[in-house]
């Protein structure tokens, strides 16, 4: 959600993008710890966070 907001809201997008990247990293760590294979939403959050951070 924060990654999408980082793309949509340009002025606050950099802060939201950084938070989205951080939360996606935590999600990857948690998914690996639980040995789950559904990384799709974490990847989407990471990509949207990076795009939102870079295009500000």
PDB file of N, CA and C in Angstrom:
ATOM      1  N   UNK A   1       0.817  -1.187   0.000  1.00  0.00           N
ATOM      2  CA  UNK A   1       0.000   0.000   0.000  1.00  0.00           C
ATOM      3  C   UNK A   1       0.861   1.251   0.000  1.00  0.00           C
ATOM      4  N   UNK A   2       1.898   1.261   0.814  1.00  0.00           N
ATOM      5  CA  UNK A   2       2.776   2.428   0.861  1.00  0.00           C
ATOM      6  C   UNK A   2       3.522   2.613  -0.447  1.00  0.00           C
ATOM      7  N   UNK A   3       3.875   1.521  -1.102  1.00  0.00           N
ATOM      8  CA  UNK A   3       4.555   1.623  -2.395  1.00  0.00           C
ATOM      9  C   UNK A   3       3.688   2.278  -3.445  1.00  0.00           C
ATOM     10  N   UNK A   4       2.418   1.938  -3.448  1.00  0.00           N
ATOM     11  CA  UNK A   4       1.488   2.551  -4.396  1.00  0.00           C
ATOM     12  C   UNK A   4       1.299   4.026  -4.073  1.00  0.00           C
ATOM     13  N   UNK A   5       1.171   4.345  -2.800  1.00  0.00           N
ATOM     14  CA  UNK A   5       1.048   5.748  -2.400  1.00  0.00           C
ATOM     15  C   UNK A   5       2.307   6.541  -2.737  1.00  0.00           C
ATOM     16  N   UNK A   6       3.464   5.905  -2.669  1.00  0.00           N
ATOM     17  CA  UNK A   6       4.707   6.574  -3.027  1.00  0.00           C
ATOM     18  C   UNK A   6       4.721   6.972  -4.491  1.00  0.00           C
ATOM     19  N   UNK A   7       4.057   6.200  -5.331  1.00  0.00           N
ATOM     20  CA  UNK A   7       3.981   6.530  -6.753  1.00  0.00           C
ATOM     21  C   UNK A   7       2.947   7.623  -6.995  1.00  0.00           C
ATOM     22  N   UNK A   8       1.830   7.558  -6.305  1.00  0.00           N
ATOM     23  CA  UNK A   8       0.707   8.460  -6.551  1.00  0.00           C
ATOM     24  C   UNK A   8       0.933   9.856  -5.952  1.00  0.00           C
ATOM     25  N   UNK A   9       1.516   9.928  -4.761  1.00  0.00           N
ATOM     26  CA  UNK A   9       1.707  11.206  -4.076  1.00  0.00           C
ATOM     27  C   UNK A   9       3.168  11.632  -4.259  1.00  0.00           C
ATOM     28  N   UNK A  10       3.433  12.590  -5.128  1.00  0.00           N
ATOM     29  CA  UNK A  10       4.829  12.888  -5.465  1.00  0.00           C
ATOM     30  C   UNK A  10       5.646  13.518  -4.341  1.00  0.00           C
ATOM     31  N   UNK A  11       5.101  14.415  -3.551  1.00  0.00           N
ATOM     32  CA  UNK A  11       5.909  15.128  -2.564  1.00  0.00           C
ATOM     33  C   UNK A  11       6.259  14.274  -1.358  1.00  0.00           C
ATOM     34  N   UNK A  12       5.358  13.432  -0.958  1.00  0.00           N
ATOM     35  CA  UNK A  12       5.601  12.572   0.198  1.00  0.00           C
ATOM     36  C   UNK A  12       6.095  11.200  -0.266  1.00  0.00           C
ATOM     37  N   UNK A  13       6.176  11.018  -1.566  1.00  0.00           N
ATOM     38  CA  UNK A  13       6.513   9.721  -2.136  1.00  0.00           C
ATOM     39  C   UNK A  13       7.863   9.185  -1.734  1.00  0.00           C
ATOM     40  N   UNK A  14       8.839  10.075  -1.553  1.00  0.00           N
ATOM     41  CA  UNK A  14      10.170   9.594  -1.202  1.00  0.00           C
ATOM     42  C   UNK A  14      10.174   8.958   0.190  1.00  0.00           C
ATOM     43  N   UNK A  15       9.518   9.596   1.134  1.00  0.00           N
ATOM     44  CA  UNK A  15       9.451   9.055   2.493  1.00  0.00           C
ATOM     45  C   UNK A  15       8.655   7.756   2.502  1.00  0.00           C
ATOM     46  N   UNK A  16       7.511   7.757   1.835  1.00  0.00           N
ATOM     47  CA  UNK A  16       6.698   6.542   1.783  1.00  0.00           C
ATOM     48  C   UNK A  16       7.414   5.424   1.042  1.00  0.00           C
ATOM     49  N   UNK A  17       8.171   5.771   0.004  1.00  0.00           N
ATOM     50  CA  UNK A  17       8.929   4.765  -0.732  1.00  0.00           C
ATOM     51  C   UNK A  17       9.990   4.107   0.117  1.00  0.00           C
ATOM     52  N   UNK A  18      10.686   4.907   0.921  1.00  0.00           N
ATOM     53  CA  UNK A  18      11.718   4.361   1.802  1.00  0.00           C
ATOM     54  C   UNK A  18      11.088   3.443   2.849  1.00  0.00           C
ATOM     55  N   UNK A  19       9.961   3.859   3.393  1.00  0.00           N
ATOM     56  CA  UNK A  19       9.258   3.013   4.371  1.00  0.00           C
ATOM     57  C   UNK A  19       8.777   1.721   3.711  1.00  0.00           C
ATOM     58  N   UNK A  20       8.279   1.816   2.476  1.00  0.00           N
ATOM     59  CA  UNK A  20       7.813   0.626   1.756  1.00  0.00           C
ATOM     60  C   UNK A  20       8.954  -0.346   1.488  1.00  0.00           C
ATOM     61  N   UNK A  21      10.129   0.185   1.135  1.00  0.00           N
ATOM     62  CA  UNK A  21      11.290  -0.677   0.894  1.00  0.00           C
ATOM     63  C   UNK A  21      11.692  -1.379   2.193  1.00  0.00           C
ATOM     64  N   UNK A  22      11.701  -0.648   3.283  1.00  0.00           N
ATOM     65  CA  UNK A  22      12.055  -1.224   4.582  1.00  0.00           C
ATOM     66  C   UNK A  22      11.065  -2.322   4.979  1.00  0.00           C
ATOM     67  N   UNK A  23       9.774  -2.055   4.812  1.00  0.00           N
ATOM     68  CA  UNK A  23       8.766  -3.057   5.182  1.00  0.00           C
ATOM     69  C   UNK A  23       8.809  -4.276   4.264  1.00  0.00           C
ATOM     70  N   UNK A  24       9.130  -4.070   2.992  1.00  0.00           N
ATOM     71  CA  UNK A  24       9.264  -5.203   2.079  1.00  0.00           C
ATOM     72  C   UNK A  24      10.445  -6.082   2.484  1.00  0.00           C
ATOM     73  N   UNK A  25      11.531  -5.453   2.924  1.00  0.00           N
ATOM     74  CA  UNK A  25      12.679  -6.229   3.391  1.00  0.00           C
ATOM     75  C   UNK A  25      12.312  -7.048   4.630  1.00  0.00           C
ATOM     76  N   UNK A  26      11.551  -6.444   5.536  1.00  0.00           N
ATOM     77  CA  UNK A  26      11.084  -7.193   6.713  1.00  0.00           C
ATOM     78  C   UNK A  26      10.159  -8.338   6.303  1.00  0.00           C
ATOM     79  N   UNK A  27       9.322  -8.103   5.301  1.00  0.00           N
ATOM     80  CA  UNK A  27       8.409  -9.156   4.828  1.00  0.00           C
ATOM     81  C   UNK A  27       9.192 -10.319   4.225  1.00  0.00           C
ATOM     82  N   UNK A  28      10.231 -10.005   3.433  1.00  0.00           N
ATOM     83  CA  UNK A  28      11.064 -11.078   2.880  1.00  0.00           C
ATOM     84  C   UNK A  28      11.723 -11.891   3.983  1.00  0.00           C
ATOM     85  N   UNK A  29      12.220 -11.217   5.006  1.00  0.00           N
ATOM     86  CA  UNK A  29      12.870 -11.912   6.116  1.00  0.00           C
ATOM     87  C   UNK A  29      11.873 -12.829   6.827  1.00  0.00           C
ATOM     88  N   UNK A  30      10.666 -12.321   7.055  1.00  0.00           N
ATOM     89  CA  UNK A  30       9.637 -13.112   7.738  1.00  0.00           C
ATOM     90  C   UNK A  30       9.188 -14.296   6.877  1.00  0.00           C
ATOM     91  N   UNK A  31       9.034 -14.084   5.576  1.00  0.00           N
ATOM     92  CA  UNK A  31       8.636 -15.175   4.687  1.00  0.00           C
ATOM     93  C   UNK A  31       9.711 -16.254   4.634  1.00  0.00           C
ATOM     94  N   UNK A  32      10.971 -15.853   4.618  1.00  0.00           N
ATOM     95  CA  UNK A  32      12.052 -16.845   4.611  1.00  0.00           C
ATOM     96  C   UNK A  32      12.136 -17.583   5.941  1.00  0.00           C
ATOM     97  N   UNK A  33      11.858 -16.876   7.037  1.00  0.00           N
ATOM     98  CA  UNK A  33      11.910 -17.521   8.352  1.00  0.00           C
ATOM     99  C   UNK A  33      10.818 -18.573   8.477  1.00  0.00           C
ATOM    100  N   UNK A  34       9.641 -18.268   7.937  1.00  0.00           N
ATOM    101  CA  UNK A  34       8.528 -19.220   7.996  1.00  0.00           C
ATOM    102  C   UNK A  34       8.553 -20.232   6.858  1.00  0.00           C
ATOM    103  N   UNK A  35       9.483 -20.070   5.951  1.00  0.00           N
ATOM    104  CA  UNK A  35       9.637 -20.937   4.777  1.00  0.00           C
ATOM    105  C   UNK A  35       8.383 -20.954   3.912  1.00  0.00           C
ATOM    106  N   UNK A  36       7.809 -19.789   3.728  1.00  0.00           N
ATOM    107  CA  UNK A  36       6.658 -19.667   2.835  1.00  0.00           C
ATOM    108  C   UNK A  36       7.158 -19.277   1.453  1.00  0.00           C
ATOM    109  N   UNK A  37       6.353 -19.592   0.440  1.00  0.00           N
ATOM    110  CA  UNK A  37       6.801 -19.343  -0.919  1.00  0.00           C
ATOM    111  C   UNK A  37       6.043 -18.212  -1.603  1.00  0.00           C
ATOM    112  N   UNK A  38       5.132 -17.571  -0.928  1.00  0.00           N
ATOM    113  CA  UNK A  38       4.337 -16.517  -1.555  1.00  0.00           C
ATOM    114  C   UNK A  38       5.018 -15.158  -1.339  1.00  0.00           C
ATOM    115  N   UNK A  39       5.914 -14.798  -2.250  1.00  0.00           N
ATOM    116  CA  UNK A  39       6.662 -13.559  -2.151  1.00  0.00           C
ATOM    117  C   UNK A  39       6.081 -12.458  -3.037  1.00  0.00           C
ATOM    118  N   UNK A  40       4.970 -12.715  -3.703  1.00  0.00           N
ATOM    119  CA  UNK A  40       4.431 -11.788  -4.695  1.00  0.00           C
ATOM    120  C   UNK A  40       4.125 -10.402  -4.165  1.00  0.00           C
ATOM    121  N   UNK A  41       3.431 -10.305  -3.052  1.00  0.00           N
ATOM    122  CA  UNK A  41       3.084  -8.989  -2.508  1.00  0.00           C
ATOM    123  C   UNK A  41       4.308  -8.255  -1.976  1.00  0.00           C
ATOM    124  N   UNK A  42       5.254  -8.982  -1.430  1.00  0.00           N
ATOM    125  CA  UNK A  42       6.483  -8.343  -0.960  1.00  0.00           C
ATOM    126  C   UNK A  42       7.284  -7.792  -2.131  1.00  0.00           C
ATOM    127  N   UNK A  43       7.325  -8.531  -3.224  1.00  0.00           N
ATOM    128  CA  UNK A  43       8.017  -8.050  -4.425  1.00  0.00           C
ATOM    129  C   UNK A  43       7.314  -6.826  -4.982  1.00  0.00           C
ATOM    130  N   UNK A  44       5.984  -6.849  -5.023  1.00  0.00           N
ATOM    131  CA  UNK A  44       5.231  -5.700  -5.535  1.00  0.00           C
ATOM    132  C   UNK A  44       5.456  -4.464  -4.667  1.00  0.00           C
ATOM    133  N   UNK A  45       5.468  -4.631  -3.364  1.00  0.00           N
ATOM    134  CA  UNK A  45       5.730  -3.508  -2.469  1.00  0.00           C
ATOM    135  C   UNK A  45       7.130  -2.958  -2.643  1.00  0.00           C
ATOM    136  N   UNK A  46       8.088  -3.846  -2.833  1.00  0.00           N
ATOM    137  CA  UNK A  46       9.467  -3.425  -3.040  1.00  0.00           C
ATOM    138  C   UNK A  46       9.617  -2.651  -4.344  1.00  0.00           C
ATOM    139  N   UNK A  47       9.047  -3.169  -5.417  1.00  0.00           N
ATOM    140  CA  UNK A  47       9.145  -2.513  -6.723  1.00  0.00           C
ATOM    141  C   UNK A  47       8.447  -1.157  -6.692  1.00  0.00           C
ATOM    142  N   UNK A  48       7.246  -1.087  -6.147  1.00  0.00           N
ATOM    143  CA  UNK A  48       6.533   0.190  -6.072  1.00  0.00           C
ATOM    144  C   UNK A  48       7.267   1.180  -5.178  1.00  0.00           C
ATOM    145  N   UNK A  49       7.866   0.711  -4.104  1.00  0.00           N
ATOM    146  CA  UNK A  49       8.634   1.583  -3.235  1.00  0.00           C
ATOM    147  C   UNK A  49       9.855   2.151  -3.936  1.00  0.00           C
ATOM    148  N   UNK A  50      10.537   1.319  -4.697  1.00  0.00           N
ATOM    149  CA  UNK A  50      11.704   1.786  -5.441  1.00  0.00           C
ATOM    150  C   UNK A  50      11.301   2.783  -6.519  1.00  0.00           C
ATOM    151  N   UNK A  51      10.244   2.484  -7.238  1.00  0.00           N
ATOM    152  CA  UNK A  51       9.772   3.406  -8.279  1.00  0.00           C
ATOM    153  C   UNK A  51       9.335   4.731  -7.660  1.00  0.00           C
ATOM    154  N   UNK A  52       8.605   4.667  -6.558  1.00  0.00           N
ATOM    155  CA  UNK A  52       8.170   5.888  -5.895  1.00  0.00           C
ATOM    156  C   UNK A  52       9.316   6.712  -5.360  1.00  0.00           C
ATOM    157  N   UNK A  53      10.376   6.063  -4.917  1.00  0.00           N
ATOM    158  CA  UNK A  53      11.535   6.787  -4.402  1.00  0.00           C
ATOM    159  C   UNK A  53      12.358   7.402  -5.531  1.00  0.00           C
ATOM    160  N   UNK A  54      12.501   6.691  -6.616  1.00  0.00           N
ATOM    161  CA  UNK A  54      13.344   7.179  -7.709  1.00  0.00           C
ATOM    162  C   UNK A  54      12.703   8.303  -8.522  1.00  0.00           C
ATOM    163  N   UNK A  55      11.399   8.310  -8.647  1.00  0.00           N
ATOM    164  CA  UNK A  55      10.747   9.280  -9.516  1.00  0.00           C
ATOM    165  C   UNK A  55      10.278  10.535  -8.798  1.00  0.00           C
ATOM    166  N   UNK A  56      10.790  10.763  -7.607  1.00  0.00           N
ATOM    167  CA  UNK A  56      10.405  11.980  -6.881  1.00  0.00           C
ATOM    168  C   UNK A  56      11.335  13.099  -7.230  1.00  0.00           C
TER     169      UNK A  56
END
